[in-house]
Amino acid sequence: MNFDVIVIGSGFGGAITGCRLAEGGYKVLILERGRRWDKTTYPREPGDPWIWNQERPEKLNGWADLRVFPNMSIIQGAGVGGGSLIYANILAEAHKSVFQRGWPAEITYDELKPHYDRVGSFMNVQKIPVNQLNARTLLMKEAAEKIGHGDRFKLVDLAVSFDPALAFDPNNPPDPSQSRRFVNAQGVEQGTCVHIGACDVGCPVDAKNTLDLNYIPWAEKHGAQVRPLHFVTNIEPVTGGYKVSCDELKDGRRIARSETARVVIVAAGSLGSTELLMRCRDENRSLPNISQYLGRDWSSNGDFLTPAFYRDRDISPTKGITIAGAIDFLDGSQNGQVFWVEDGGIPDLLGFYLNGVSGAFPPGLRADFLIKFIQNSLKRRDAFKQLMPWFAQGVDGGDGRLSLKRPWWWPFGRRRLNLSWDVEKSKPVINEIIKMHKRLSEATNGRVVVPPTWTISKDLITPHPLGGCKMGASPENGVVNHLGEVFGHRNLYVADGAIVPVPLGVNPSRTIGALAERIAQNIKTEGR
């Protein structure tokens, strides 16, 4: 074997298992389909590499992977660090009640708690300093109090580096020069947050504690290799382990490569891991023993966003950290529905673009003057000034099903990943979320506009796909066991959101990370 372990994907599952096994002396290779990004390469302008195309990754291997299925769209990160590149920094533990159904008996909140703590410590979770709360978070706190639920409002754990001494003025544009540089516990230089509002599109001051700033460099310090732009196509058993085939994406071409290892960990995300294992089982016939349960019990984690408009408030959701607080209804007190509400933010992509354009012209040119004029006009007339994006996650029906199908318009083409998702079982939690968004808005003199994509067509979008390779007690009700090992294929693991068997109702990253810590610990304990 060329390696002890090959990890496919570098999000919360792949980065953490790869790191812990490298730390334990294993020879580790991490294969990542996307690029290695940093603050000098984050996309900002319309012509930048924004788009990942799963069918033509050699041509389009940009920042975000957007899949559009009937009634459900899914957005994922593509790059070294996986979903941590585009998530809103929240590292929340799932509510204890979530573990009371649908999980293998071995997985409980108490079992995961030490692993939750380990993820939080390694990623340096913090709450936003109270002197740096923005208008959205303060509005949420006020709204919770006015509807009699002030005790349910809380500041959430964030994977962000803050400077408590920052003189934060929410009424003035953020100043990157105020970011304080420091070296983190893994020896990587970062900066402190100055509330630029770019959490989901790459923090320009490195304040966001993404996986490429902690777990991944720590893995590399312990000998792990990370290969970006390596798109895995097959896994097949060989004597002593597995052969992993992939295409290196280079200069618009695919170059076939392969490596071998005793242990393989699939961590390509809910869609990526499920699709890869389906192709191995059903097309390549290389992993024939994978459970027929593969693809079932997929969940959107109940994500929903409702915009509200205010006449008498300056909110400016493009300013400040993307999410800082939540109102917790995870106890099922709202007509039995489990969810929490968050203060969503949106990145100022137009502002980033104009800043980039203005710097492209030599001083004194009329075009530069025009750009500066537009920038100043936008500062005086913030297009989003009075918009509040109420966000939420909830426990949805969790009954989606992934499969491989050919497009109806091209019956001879290659089969593509398909999602069959029936909205009926998820309607109650979405409607309860909307009801609460309305209640919070009206209590603070706001007017909600429920998206017509829901009211008319019942379409949703999520950045938190879960399931497809769910944990179970046997192949009859799951794809992997409680340790993430694939039924029927020893030393083949799945360690990402695909194995989460039920919707969590909160941001899932920390739970995925805790499961990954537990899986890596077991591999080391058993000496696999």
Protein backbone atom coordinates (compact mmCIF):
# COMPACT_ATOMS: atom_id res chain seq x y z
CA MET A 1 0.00 0.00 0.00
CA ASN A 2 1.21 3.52 -0.86
CA PHE A 3 -0.53 4.96 2.21
CA ASP A 4 -2.03 3.79 5.47
CA VAL A 5 -5.11 5.99 4.93
CA ILE A 6 -6.63 7.79 1.98
CA VAL A 7 -9.23 10.42 2.86
CA ILE A 8 -11.58 11.61 0.12
CA GLY A 9 -12.65 15.18 0.85
CA SER A 10 -11.34 17.84 3.24
CA GLY A 11 -14.45 19.21 4.95
CA PHE A 12 -15.34 18.59 8.60
CA GLY A 13 -15.25 14.81 8.19
CA GLY A 14 -12.14 14.54 6.03
CA ALA A 15 -9.99 17.24 7.61
CA ILE A 16 -10.60 15.95 11.13
CA THR A 17 -10.11 12.23 10.46
CA GLY A 18 -7.07 12.97 8.29
CA CYS A 19 -5.59 15.20 10.97
CA ARG A 20 -6.11 12.84 13.89
CA LEU A 21 -4.75 9.81 12.03
CA ALA A 22 -1.70 11.72 10.79
CA GLU A 23 -1.19 12.92 14.35
CA GLY A 24 -1.31 9.24 15.40
CA GLY A 25 1.50 8.28 13.05
CA TYR A 26 -0.50 7.06 10.05
CA LYS A 27 0.70 7.89 6.55
CA VAL A 28 -2.25 9.93 5.25
CA LEU A 29 -3.26 11.23 1.84
CA ILE A 30 -6.17 13.68 1.55
CA LEU A 31 -7.69 14.00 -1.93
CA GLU A 32 -9.76 17.16 -2.45
CA ARG A 33 -11.77 17.85 -5.60
CA GLY A 34 -11.51 21.66 -5.30
CA ARG A 35 -8.77 24.26 -5.20
CA ARG A 36 -6.72 25.52 -2.29
CA TRP A 37 -8.03 29.03 -1.69
CA ASP A 38 -6.68 31.95 0.31
CA LYS A 39 -7.50 35.64 0.72
CA THR A 40 -5.59 36.50 -2.46
CA THR A 41 -7.67 34.12 -4.61
CA TYR A 42 -11.22 34.30 -3.16
CA PRO A 43 -13.69 35.10 -5.96
CA ARG A 44 -15.03 38.64 -5.82
CA GLU A 45 -15.85 39.80 -9.37
CA PRO A 46 -18.41 38.38 -11.83
CA GLY A 47 -15.71 36.79 -13.99
CA ASP A 48 -13.98 35.05 -11.09
CA PRO A 49 -14.19 31.24 -10.59
CA TRP A 50 -17.44 31.07 -8.62
CA ILE A 51 -18.92 27.89 -10.06
CA TRP A 52 -18.15 24.22 -9.51
CA ASN A 53 -19.62 21.88 -12.14
CA GLN A 54 -19.82 18.25 -11.04
CA GLU A 55 -20.13 17.04 -14.63
CA ARG A 56 -17.24 19.12 -16.01
CA PRO A 57 -14.94 19.85 -13.04
CA GLU A 58 -11.91 20.10 -15.32
CA LYS A 59 -13.52 23.20 -16.89
CA LEU A 60 -15.37 24.70 -13.92
CA ASN A 61 -13.78 24.10 -10.52
CA GLY A 62 -14.74 27.24 -8.65
CA TRP A 63 -15.87 28.22 -5.16
CA ALA A 64 -19.43 26.86 -4.85
CA ASP A 65 -21.24 23.74 -6.02
CA LEU A 66 -24.94 24.50 -6.59
CA ARG A 67 -27.22 21.58 -7.45
CA VAL A 68 -30.80 22.18 -8.50
CA PHE A 69 -33.26 19.33 -8.02
CA PRO A 70 -37.07 19.32 -8.13
CA ASN A 71 -38.26 21.41 -5.14
CA MET A 72 -34.80 21.48 -3.56
CA SER A 73 -31.52 23.24 -4.32
CA ILE A 74 -28.30 22.50 -2.44
CA ILE A 75 -25.19 24.64 -2.17
CA GLN A 76 -21.83 23.25 -1.05
CA GLY A 77 -18.26 24.47 -0.80
CA ALA A 78 -15.57 23.21 -3.16
CA GLY A 79 -12.00 23.51 -1.97
CA VAL A 80 -9.48 22.56 0.69
CA GLY A 81 -11.54 23.03 3.83
CA GLY A 82 -14.81 21.89 2.26
CA GLY A 83 -17.97 23.32 3.78
CA SER A 84 -16.02 25.37 6.31
CA LEU A 85 -15.17 27.75 3.45
CA ILE A 86 -18.79 28.80 2.92
CA TYR A 87 -20.53 28.14 6.24
CA ALA A 88 -21.50 30.92 8.67
CA ASN A 89 -18.98 29.91 11.38
CA ILE A 90 -21.51 28.30 13.71
CA LEU A 91 -20.28 25.33 15.76
CA ALA A 92 -23.38 24.26 17.65
CA GLU A 93 -24.00 21.08 19.58
CA ALA A 94 -27.20 19.27 18.64
CA HIS A 95 -29.97 19.30 21.26
CA LYS A 96 -30.00 16.20 23.49
CA SER A 97 -33.49 15.28 22.27
CA VAL A 98 -32.16 14.73 18.72
CA PHE A 99 -30.37 11.57 19.86
CA GLN A 100 -33.50 9.92 21.23
CA ARG A 101 -34.57 8.49 17.88
CA GLY A 102 -33.00 7.28 14.66
CA TRP A 103 -29.42 6.84 15.91
CA PRO A 104 -27.59 3.58 16.65
CA ALA A 105 -27.80 2.80 20.38
CA GLU A 106 -24.08 3.57 20.80
CA ILE A 107 -24.50 7.21 19.73
CA THR A 108 -25.85 9.46 22.49
CA TYR A 109 -25.28 13.08 23.42
CA ASP A 110 -23.13 11.99 26.37
CA GLU A 111 -21.05 9.76 24.08
CA LEU A 112 -20.41 12.65 21.68
CA LYS A 113 -19.88 15.34 24.31
CA PRO A 114 -16.08 14.85 24.71
CA HIS A 115 -15.75 14.96 20.92
CA TYR A 116 -17.92 18.09 20.71
CA ASP A 117 -15.56 19.68 23.23
CA ARG A 118 -12.48 18.61 21.31
CA VAL A 119 -13.75 20.15 18.06
CA GLY A 120 -14.66 23.37 19.86
CA SER A 121 -11.25 23.63 21.50
CA PHE A 122 -9.27 22.86 18.35
CA MET A 123 -11.26 25.37 16.28
CA ASN A 124 -11.08 27.98 19.04
CA VAL A 125 -14.83 28.64 19.31
CA GLN A 126 -15.87 31.97 20.79
CA LYS A 127 -19.01 34.01 21.20
CA ILE A 128 -19.12 37.46 19.69
CA PRO A 129 -18.10 40.13 22.25
CA VAL A 130 -21.19 41.97 23.48
CA ASN A 131 -19.61 45.30 22.55
CA GLN A 132 -19.57 44.19 18.88
CA LEU A 133 -23.19 43.16 18.35
CA ASN A 134 -24.65 44.44 15.09
CA ALA A 135 -28.15 45.74 14.41
CA ARG A 136 -29.47 42.33 13.32
CA THR A 137 -28.44 40.59 16.53
CA LEU A 138 -29.83 43.41 18.69
CA LEU A 139 -33.09 43.31 16.72
CA MET A 140 -33.35 39.56 17.30
CA LYS A 141 -32.80 39.98 21.04
CA GLU A 142 -35.44 42.72 21.19
CA ALA A 143 -37.91 40.64 19.18
CA ALA A 144 -37.46 37.63 21.46
CA GLU A 145 -38.14 39.79 24.50
CA LYS A 146 -41.22 41.41 22.97
CA ILE A 147 -42.89 38.06 22.25
CA GLY A 148 -42.11 36.81 25.75
CA HIS A 149 -39.21 34.56 24.85
CA GLY A 150 -36.23 36.67 25.87
CA ASP A 151 -34.85 33.71 27.81
CA ARG A 152 -34.55 31.73 24.57
CA PHE A 153 -32.21 34.22 22.92
CA LYS A 154 -28.52 33.35 23.10
CA LEU A 155 -25.23 34.12 21.42
CA VAL A 156 -23.97 31.05 19.54
CA ASP A 157 -20.53 29.43 19.45
CA LEU A 158 -18.56 30.72 16.46
CA ALA A 159 -15.33 29.55 14.85
CA VAL A 160 -14.12 33.14 14.59
CA SER A 161 -11.20 34.98 16.16
CA PHE A 162 -12.36 38.17 17.87
CA ASP A 163 -10.48 41.05 19.44
CA PRO A 164 -12.52 42.09 22.52
CA ALA A 165 -10.74 45.45 22.53
CA LEU A 166 -11.91 46.35 19.00
CA ALA A 167 -13.61 49.76 18.93
CA PHE A 168 -16.56 48.56 16.87
CA ASP A 169 -18.86 51.13 15.28
CA PRO A 170 -21.73 49.43 13.42
CA ASN A 171 -22.60 52.71 11.65
CA ASN A 172 -19.25 53.01 9.88
CA PRO A 173 -17.71 50.74 7.23
CA PRO A 174 -15.42 48.02 8.63
CA ASP A 175 -11.73 48.82 8.47
CA PRO A 176 -9.45 45.85 7.64
CA SER A 177 -6.48 47.74 9.09
CA GLN A 178 -8.02 47.26 12.55
CA SER A 179 -7.59 43.49 12.31
CA ARG A 180 -4.91 42.30 14.73
CA ARG A 181 -2.55 39.63 13.33
CA PHE A 182 -1.62 36.65 15.52
CA VAL A 183 -0.39 33.05 15.22
CA ASN A 184 -2.96 30.40 16.18
CA ALA A 185 -2.38 27.19 18.18
CA GLN A 186 -1.58 25.27 14.98
CA GLY A 187 1.13 27.74 13.98
CA VAL A 188 -0.89 29.52 11.26
CA GLU A 189 -1.11 33.31 11.04
CA GLN A 190 -4.61 34.77 11.21
CA GLY A 191 -6.28 38.10 11.88
CA THR A 192 -9.08 39.16 14.21
CA CYS A 193 -12.61 39.91 13.03
CA VAL A 194 -13.47 43.46 11.98
CA HIS A 195 -17.01 42.57 10.85
CA ILE A 196 -16.52 42.88 7.11
CA GLY A 197 -19.48 40.57 6.46
CA ALA A 198 -17.71 38.22 4.02
CA CYS A 199 -17.95 35.05 6.13
CA ASP A 200 -19.62 33.00 3.39
CA VAL A 201 -17.33 34.09 0.55
CA GLY A 202 -13.91 34.06 2.21
CA CYS A 203 -12.73 36.32 5.04
CA PRO A 204 -10.18 38.83 3.71
CA VAL A 205 -8.49 39.19 7.13
CA ASP A 206 -8.36 35.44 7.98
CA ALA A 207 -10.52 35.83 11.08
CA LYS A 208 -12.72 32.87 10.19
CA ASN A 209 -11.30 29.68 11.70
CA THR A 210 -11.77 27.51 8.63
CA LEU A 211 -10.37 23.98 8.49
CA ASP A 212 -7.52 25.06 6.20
CA LEU A 213 -6.23 27.19 9.09
CA ASN A 214 -6.27 24.53 11.84
CA TYR A 215 -6.97 20.81 11.27
CA ILE A 216 -5.49 20.65 7.76
CA PRO A 217 -2.17 22.43 8.45
CA TRP A 218 -1.83 20.38 11.65
CA ALA A 219 -2.29 17.22 9.59
CA GLU A 220 0.38 18.44 7.16
CA LYS A 221 2.76 19.18 10.04
CA HIS A 222 2.39 15.50 10.92
CA GLY A 223 3.20 14.30 7.44
CA ALA A 224 -0.19 14.19 5.70
CA GLN A 225 -0.27 15.02 2.00
CA VAL A 226 -3.11 17.18 0.65
CA ARG A 227 -3.75 17.09 -3.09
CA PRO A 228 -6.22 19.70 -4.36
CA LEU A 229 -8.01 19.32 -7.70
CA HIS A 230 -8.15 15.52 -7.45
CA PHE A 231 -11.62 14.25 -8.35
CA VAL A 232 -12.18 10.67 -7.12
CA THR A 233 -13.94 8.33 -9.55
CA ASN A 234 -13.70 4.85 -8.02
CA ILE A 235 -12.76 2.76 -4.99
CA GLU A 236 -11.98 -0.92 -5.43
CA PRO A 237 -10.71 -3.61 -3.06
CA VAL A 238 -7.18 -4.90 -3.68
CA THR A 239 -5.00 -7.25 -1.67
CA GLY A 240 -4.21 -5.48 1.59
CA GLY A 241 -6.66 -2.60 1.20
CA TYR A 242 -8.17 -0.44 -1.53
CA LYS A 243 -7.20 1.26 -4.76
CA VAL A 244 -8.58 4.79 -5.14
CA SER A 245 -8.80 6.12 -8.70
CA CYS A 246 -9.11 9.82 -9.41
CA ASP A 247 -8.71 12.45 -12.10
CA GLU A 248 -6.25 15.25 -11.54
CA LEU A 249 -7.89 18.44 -12.86
CA LYS A 250 -5.18 20.36 -14.67
CA ASP A 251 -5.20 22.89 -17.51
CA GLY A 252 -8.76 22.01 -18.48
CA ARG A 253 -7.99 18.27 -18.68
CA ARG A 254 -8.51 15.16 -16.59
CA ILE A 255 -5.38 13.12 -15.91
CA ALA A 256 -6.01 9.64 -14.49
CA ARG A 257 -4.22 8.85 -11.22
CA SER A 258 -4.51 6.18 -8.53
CA GLU A 259 -3.15 5.37 -5.07
CA THR A 260 -3.62 2.53 -2.60
CA ALA A 261 -4.18 2.39 1.16
CA ARG A 262 -5.17 -0.03 3.92
CA VAL A 263 -7.98 2.27 5.06
CA VAL A 264 -10.17 4.57 2.98
CA ILE A 265 -12.36 7.29 4.49
CA VAL A 266 -15.00 8.80 2.21
CA ALA A 267 -15.75 12.36 3.34
CA ALA A 268 -17.03 14.09 0.21
CA GLY A 269 -20.23 15.41 1.82
CA SER A 270 -23.81 14.17 1.75
CA LEU A 271 -24.10 14.38 -2.04
CA GLY A 272 -20.49 13.57 -2.94
CA SER A 273 -20.09 10.51 -0.72
CA THR A 274 -23.46 9.08 -1.69
CA GLU A 275 -22.85 9.59 -5.41
CA LEU A 276 -19.36 8.07 -5.26
CA LEU A 277 -20.52 4.95 -3.42
CA MET A 278 -23.48 4.56 -5.79
CA ARG A 279 -21.18 4.68 -8.81
CA CYS A 280 -18.84 2.17 -7.15
CA ARG A 281 -21.72 -0.22 -6.39
CA ASP A 282 -24.00 0.19 -9.41
CA GLU A 283 -21.77 1.32 -12.31
CA ASN A 284 -18.21 0.24 -11.60
CA ARG A 285 -19.33 -2.86 -9.64
CA SER A 286 -16.25 -2.40 -7.45
CA LEU A 287 -18.11 -2.29 -4.10
CA PRO A 288 -21.03 -4.68 -4.64
CA ASN A 289 -21.83 -5.31 -0.99
CA ILE A 290 -22.91 -1.77 -0.08
CA SER A 291 -26.35 -1.71 1.53
CA GLN A 292 -29.43 -1.13 -0.59
CA TYR A 293 -30.27 1.56 1.96
CA LEU A 294 -27.74 3.83 0.24
CA GLY A 295 -29.34 7.15 -0.74
CA ARG A 296 -32.26 7.01 1.65
CA ASP A 297 -33.36 9.31 4.50
CA TRP A 298 -31.80 12.47 3.06
CA SER A 299 -32.56 15.75 4.89
CA SER A 300 -32.29 19.47 4.15
CA ASN A 301 -32.03 20.11 7.91
CA GLY A 302 -35.08 22.37 7.64
CA ASP A 303 -33.24 25.46 6.38
CA PHE A 304 -35.43 28.47 5.61
CA LEU A 305 -34.89 32.21 5.15
CA THR A 306 -37.64 34.83 5.37
CA PRO A 307 -36.82 38.47 4.53
CA ALA A 308 -38.51 41.23 6.54
CA PHE A 309 -38.51 44.94 5.72
CA TYR A 310 -38.46 47.83 8.18
CA ARG A 311 -39.21 51.51 7.64
CA ASP A 312 -37.78 52.84 10.88
CA ARG A 313 -34.63 50.75 11.36
CA ASP A 314 -31.17 50.64 9.85
CA ILE A 315 -30.21 46.96 9.73
CA SER A 316 -27.68 46.63 6.88
CA PRO A 317 -27.24 42.85 6.80
CA THR A 318 -24.09 43.20 4.66
CA LYS A 319 -22.30 44.60 7.72
CA GLY A 320 -21.10 42.48 10.59
CA ILE A 321 -20.57 38.80 11.19
CA THR A 322 -23.01 36.65 9.22
CA ILE A 323 -24.75 35.01 12.20
CA ALA A 324 -24.18 35.76 15.89
CA GLY A 325 -27.30 34.70 17.79
CA ALA A 326 -30.26 32.34 17.90
CA ILE A 327 -33.66 32.01 19.50
CA ASP A 328 -33.98 28.43 20.66
CA PHE A 329 -37.21 26.49 20.10
CA LEU A 330 -35.47 23.12 20.03
CA ASP A 331 -37.65 21.83 22.87
CA GLY A 332 -40.64 21.38 20.56
CA SER A 333 -42.67 24.02 22.40
CA GLN A 334 -44.04 25.52 19.17
CA ASN A 335 -46.78 23.05 18.18
CA GLY A 336 -44.36 20.18 18.51
CA GLN A 337 -41.97 21.53 15.85
CA VAL A 338 -38.22 21.62 16.58
CA PHE A 339 -36.21 24.57 15.21
CA TRP A 340 -34.20 27.66 16.05
CA VAL A 341 -34.16 31.13 14.50
CA GLU A 342 -30.95 32.97 13.54
CA ASP A 343 -29.99 36.49 12.44
CA GLY A 344 -28.90 35.94 8.86
CA GLY A 345 -26.49 38.19 6.99
CA ILE A 346 -25.50 38.52 3.34
CA PRO A 347 -22.09 39.41 1.82
CA ASP A 348 -21.67 42.76 0.07
CA LEU A 349 -20.60 41.29 -3.26
CA LEU A 350 -21.35 44.51 -5.17
CA GLY A 351 -19.15 46.45 -2.78
CA PHE A 352 -16.32 43.95 -3.15
CA TYR A 353 -16.64 44.14 -6.92
CA LEU A 354 -16.57 47.94 -7.00
CA ASN A 355 -13.56 48.03 -4.70
CA GLY A 356 -11.74 45.66 -7.05
CA VAL A 357 -12.74 47.62 -10.15
CA SER A 358 -11.74 50.97 -8.70
CA GLY A 359 -8.26 49.66 -7.93
CA ALA A 360 -7.82 48.53 -11.52
CA PHE A 361 -7.67 52.05 -12.96
CA PRO A 362 -4.66 54.39 -12.83
CA PRO A 363 -5.18 57.48 -10.63
CA GLY A 364 -6.89 60.38 -12.35
CA LEU A 365 -8.86 58.44 -14.94
CA ARG A 366 -12.50 59.42 -15.40
CA ALA A 367 -13.57 55.78 -15.01
CA ASP A 368 -11.97 55.68 -11.58
CA PHE A 369 -13.84 58.84 -10.61
CA LEU A 370 -17.10 57.24 -11.75
CA ILE A 371 -16.48 54.10 -9.68
CA LYS A 372 -15.69 56.23 -6.62
CA PHE A 373 -18.91 58.20 -7.18
CA ILE A 374 -20.96 54.96 -7.33
CA GLN A 375 -19.27 53.65 -4.19
CA ASN A 376 -20.04 56.81 -2.23
CA SER A 377 -23.62 56.81 -3.48
CA LEU A 378 -24.11 53.23 -2.31
CA LYS A 379 -22.73 54.10 1.11
CA ARG A 380 -25.31 56.84 1.44
CA ARG A 381 -28.09 54.69 0.03
CA ASP A 382 -27.56 51.16 1.30
CA ALA A 383 -29.79 48.96 -0.87
CA PHE A 384 -30.21 46.48 2.01
CA LYS A 385 -30.31 49.02 4.80
CA GLN A 386 -33.78 48.10 6.04
CA LEU A 387 -33.75 44.36 5.30
CA MET A 388 -33.68 41.69 8.02
CA PRO A 389 -32.98 38.16 6.72
CA TRP A 390 -34.58 35.91 9.35
CA PHE A 391 -32.95 32.50 9.06
CA ALA A 392 -33.70 29.12 10.69
CA GLN A 393 -32.97 25.41 10.77
CA GLY A 394 -35.44 22.76 11.87
CA VAL A 395 -36.17 19.07 12.05
CA ASP A 396 -37.76 18.39 8.66
CA GLY A 397 -39.23 15.18 7.29
CA GLY A 398 -35.80 13.67 6.55
CA ASP A 399 -37.33 11.44 3.88
CA GLY A 400 -35.47 12.44 0.72
CA ARG A 401 -33.95 9.83 -1.56
CA LEU A 402 -30.83 10.12 -3.71
CA SER A 403 -30.35 7.95 -6.80
CA LEU A 404 -28.55 7.88 -10.16
CA LYS A 405 -30.75 8.68 -13.15
CA ARG A 406 -30.34 9.78 -16.73
CA PRO A 407 -31.81 13.17 -17.70
CA TRP A 408 -35.27 12.82 -19.25
CA TRP A 409 -34.10 14.87 -22.23
CA TRP A 410 -31.08 12.63 -22.93
CA PRO A 411 -31.88 8.97 -22.17
CA PHE A 412 -28.51 7.79 -23.53
CA GLY A 413 -26.36 10.10 -21.41
CA ARG A 414 -24.44 9.40 -18.24
CA ARG A 415 -26.55 8.91 -15.17
CA ARG A 416 -26.54 11.87 -12.80
CA LEU A 417 -27.32 12.25 -9.14
CA ASN A 418 -31.03 12.78 -8.59
CA LEU A 419 -32.94 13.81 -5.47
CA SER A 420 -36.53 12.80 -4.88
CA TRP A 421 -37.89 14.96 -2.08
CA ASP A 422 -41.53 15.16 -1.04
CA VAL A 423 -42.39 18.36 0.81
CA GLU A 424 -45.40 17.01 2.69
CA LYS A 425 -43.64 15.74 5.83
CA SER A 426 -41.55 18.91 6.01
CA LYS A 427 -44.40 21.41 5.64
CA PRO A 428 -45.25 21.56 9.36
CA VAL A 429 -41.79 22.71 10.50
CA ILE A 430 -41.35 25.16 7.61
CA ASN A 431 -44.78 26.69 8.26
CA GLU A 432 -44.00 26.98 11.96
CA ILE A 433 -40.69 28.70 11.15
CA ILE A 434 -42.49 31.18 8.88
CA LYS A 435 -45.09 31.78 11.56
CA MET A 436 -42.35 32.60 14.08
CA HIS A 437 -40.51 34.83 11.60
CA LYS A 438 -43.75 36.79 11.12
CA ARG A 439 -44.32 37.03 14.84
CA LEU A 440 -40.80 38.31 15.52
CA SER A 441 -41.04 40.83 12.66
CA GLU A 442 -44.43 42.19 13.61
CA ALA A 443 -43.33 42.61 17.23
CA THR A 444 -40.59 44.96 16.00
CA ASN A 445 -42.66 46.76 13.30
CA GLY A 446 -41.30 44.78 10.40
CA ARG A 447 -43.13 43.37 7.37
CA VAL A 448 -42.37 39.83 6.27
CA VAL A 449 -42.33 38.82 2.61
CA VAL A 450 -42.53 35.04 2.41
CA PRO A 451 -40.55 33.96 -0.68
CA PRO A 452 -42.84 32.99 -3.58
CA THR A 453 -40.56 30.03 -4.18
CA TRP A 454 -42.26 28.60 -1.09
CA THR A 455 -45.77 30.02 -1.29
CA ILE A 456 -46.21 29.09 -4.96
CA SER A 457 -43.93 26.18 -5.80
CA LYS A 458 -42.78 24.84 -2.39
CA ASP A 459 -39.12 25.07 -3.44
CA LEU A 460 -36.36 25.21 -0.83
CA ILE A 461 -32.59 25.70 -0.73
CA THR A 462 -30.13 24.37 1.85
CA PRO A 463 -26.42 24.63 2.63
CA HIS A 464 -26.79 21.79 5.17
CA PRO A 465 -27.51 18.52 3.33
CA LEU A 466 -27.54 15.46 5.59
CA GLY A 467 -27.94 11.74 5.04
CA GLY A 468 -27.60 9.34 2.14
CA CYS A 469 -25.08 7.03 3.87
CA LYS A 470 -26.82 6.98 7.22
CA MET A 471 -25.69 5.20 10.35
CA GLY A 472 -27.69 2.14 11.26
CA ALA A 473 -27.64 -1.05 13.27
CA SER A 474 -27.44 -3.27 10.16
CA PRO A 475 -27.47 -3.09 6.34
CA GLU A 476 -31.27 -3.34 6.54
CA ASN A 477 -31.56 0.16 8.05
CA GLY A 478 -28.24 1.85 7.32
CA VAL A 479 -25.12 2.07 5.18
CA VAL A 480 -22.50 2.39 7.93
CA ASN A 481 -22.32 1.26 11.54
CA HIS A 482 -21.98 3.54 14.56
CA LEU A 483 -18.23 3.85 13.85
CA GLY A 484 -18.75 4.95 10.27
CA GLU A 485 -17.54 1.67 8.75
CA VAL A 486 -19.42 0.61 5.61
CA PHE A 487 -21.38 -2.61 6.11
CA GLY A 488 -19.84 -5.35 3.96
CA HIS A 489 -16.53 -3.58 3.35
CA ARG A 490 -13.99 -3.70 6.17
CA ASN A 491 -11.74 -0.63 6.57
CA LEU A 492 -13.93 1.48 4.28
CA TYR A 493 -15.49 4.38 6.20
CA VAL A 494 -17.77 7.33 5.62
CA ALA A 495 -17.18 10.35 7.87
CA ASP A 496 -19.25 13.40 6.94
CA GLY A 497 -22.81 14.72 6.89
CA ALA A 498 -23.92 11.74 4.82
CA ILE A 499 -23.85 9.46 7.89
CA VAL A 500 -26.07 11.69 10.07
CA PRO A 501 -29.27 9.62 10.27
CA VAL A 502 -31.76 12.33 11.25
CA PRO A 503 -32.12 16.09 10.78
CA LEU A 504 -30.47 18.01 13.61
CA GLY A 505 -32.43 21.27 13.57
CA VAL A 506 -29.22 23.25 14.18
CA ASN A 507 -26.13 23.97 12.09
CA PRO A 508 -24.56 20.50 11.70
CA SER A 509 -20.81 21.17 11.41
CA ARG A 510 -19.89 20.47 15.02
CA THR A 511 -21.86 17.22 15.11
CA ILE A 512 -20.16 16.06 11.90
CA GLY A 513 -16.83 17.03 13.44
CA ALA A 514 -17.58 15.17 16.68
CA LEU A 515 -18.51 12.02 14.75
CA ALA A 516 -15.27 12.34 12.76
CA GLU A 517 -13.22 12.67 15.96
CA ARG A 518 -14.91 9.52 17.29
CA ILE A 519 -14.33 7.57 14.06
CA ALA A 520 -10.62 8.49 13.97
CA GLN A 521 -10.21 7.61 17.63
CA ASN A 522 -11.67 4.14 17.02
CA ILE A 523 -9.45 3.48 13.99
CA LYS A 524 -6.40 4.28 16.12
CA THR A 525 -7.69 2.26 19.08
CA GLU A 526 -8.26 -0.82 16.94
CA GLY A 527 -4.99 -0.33 15.07
CA ARG A 528 -6.71 -0.49 11.69
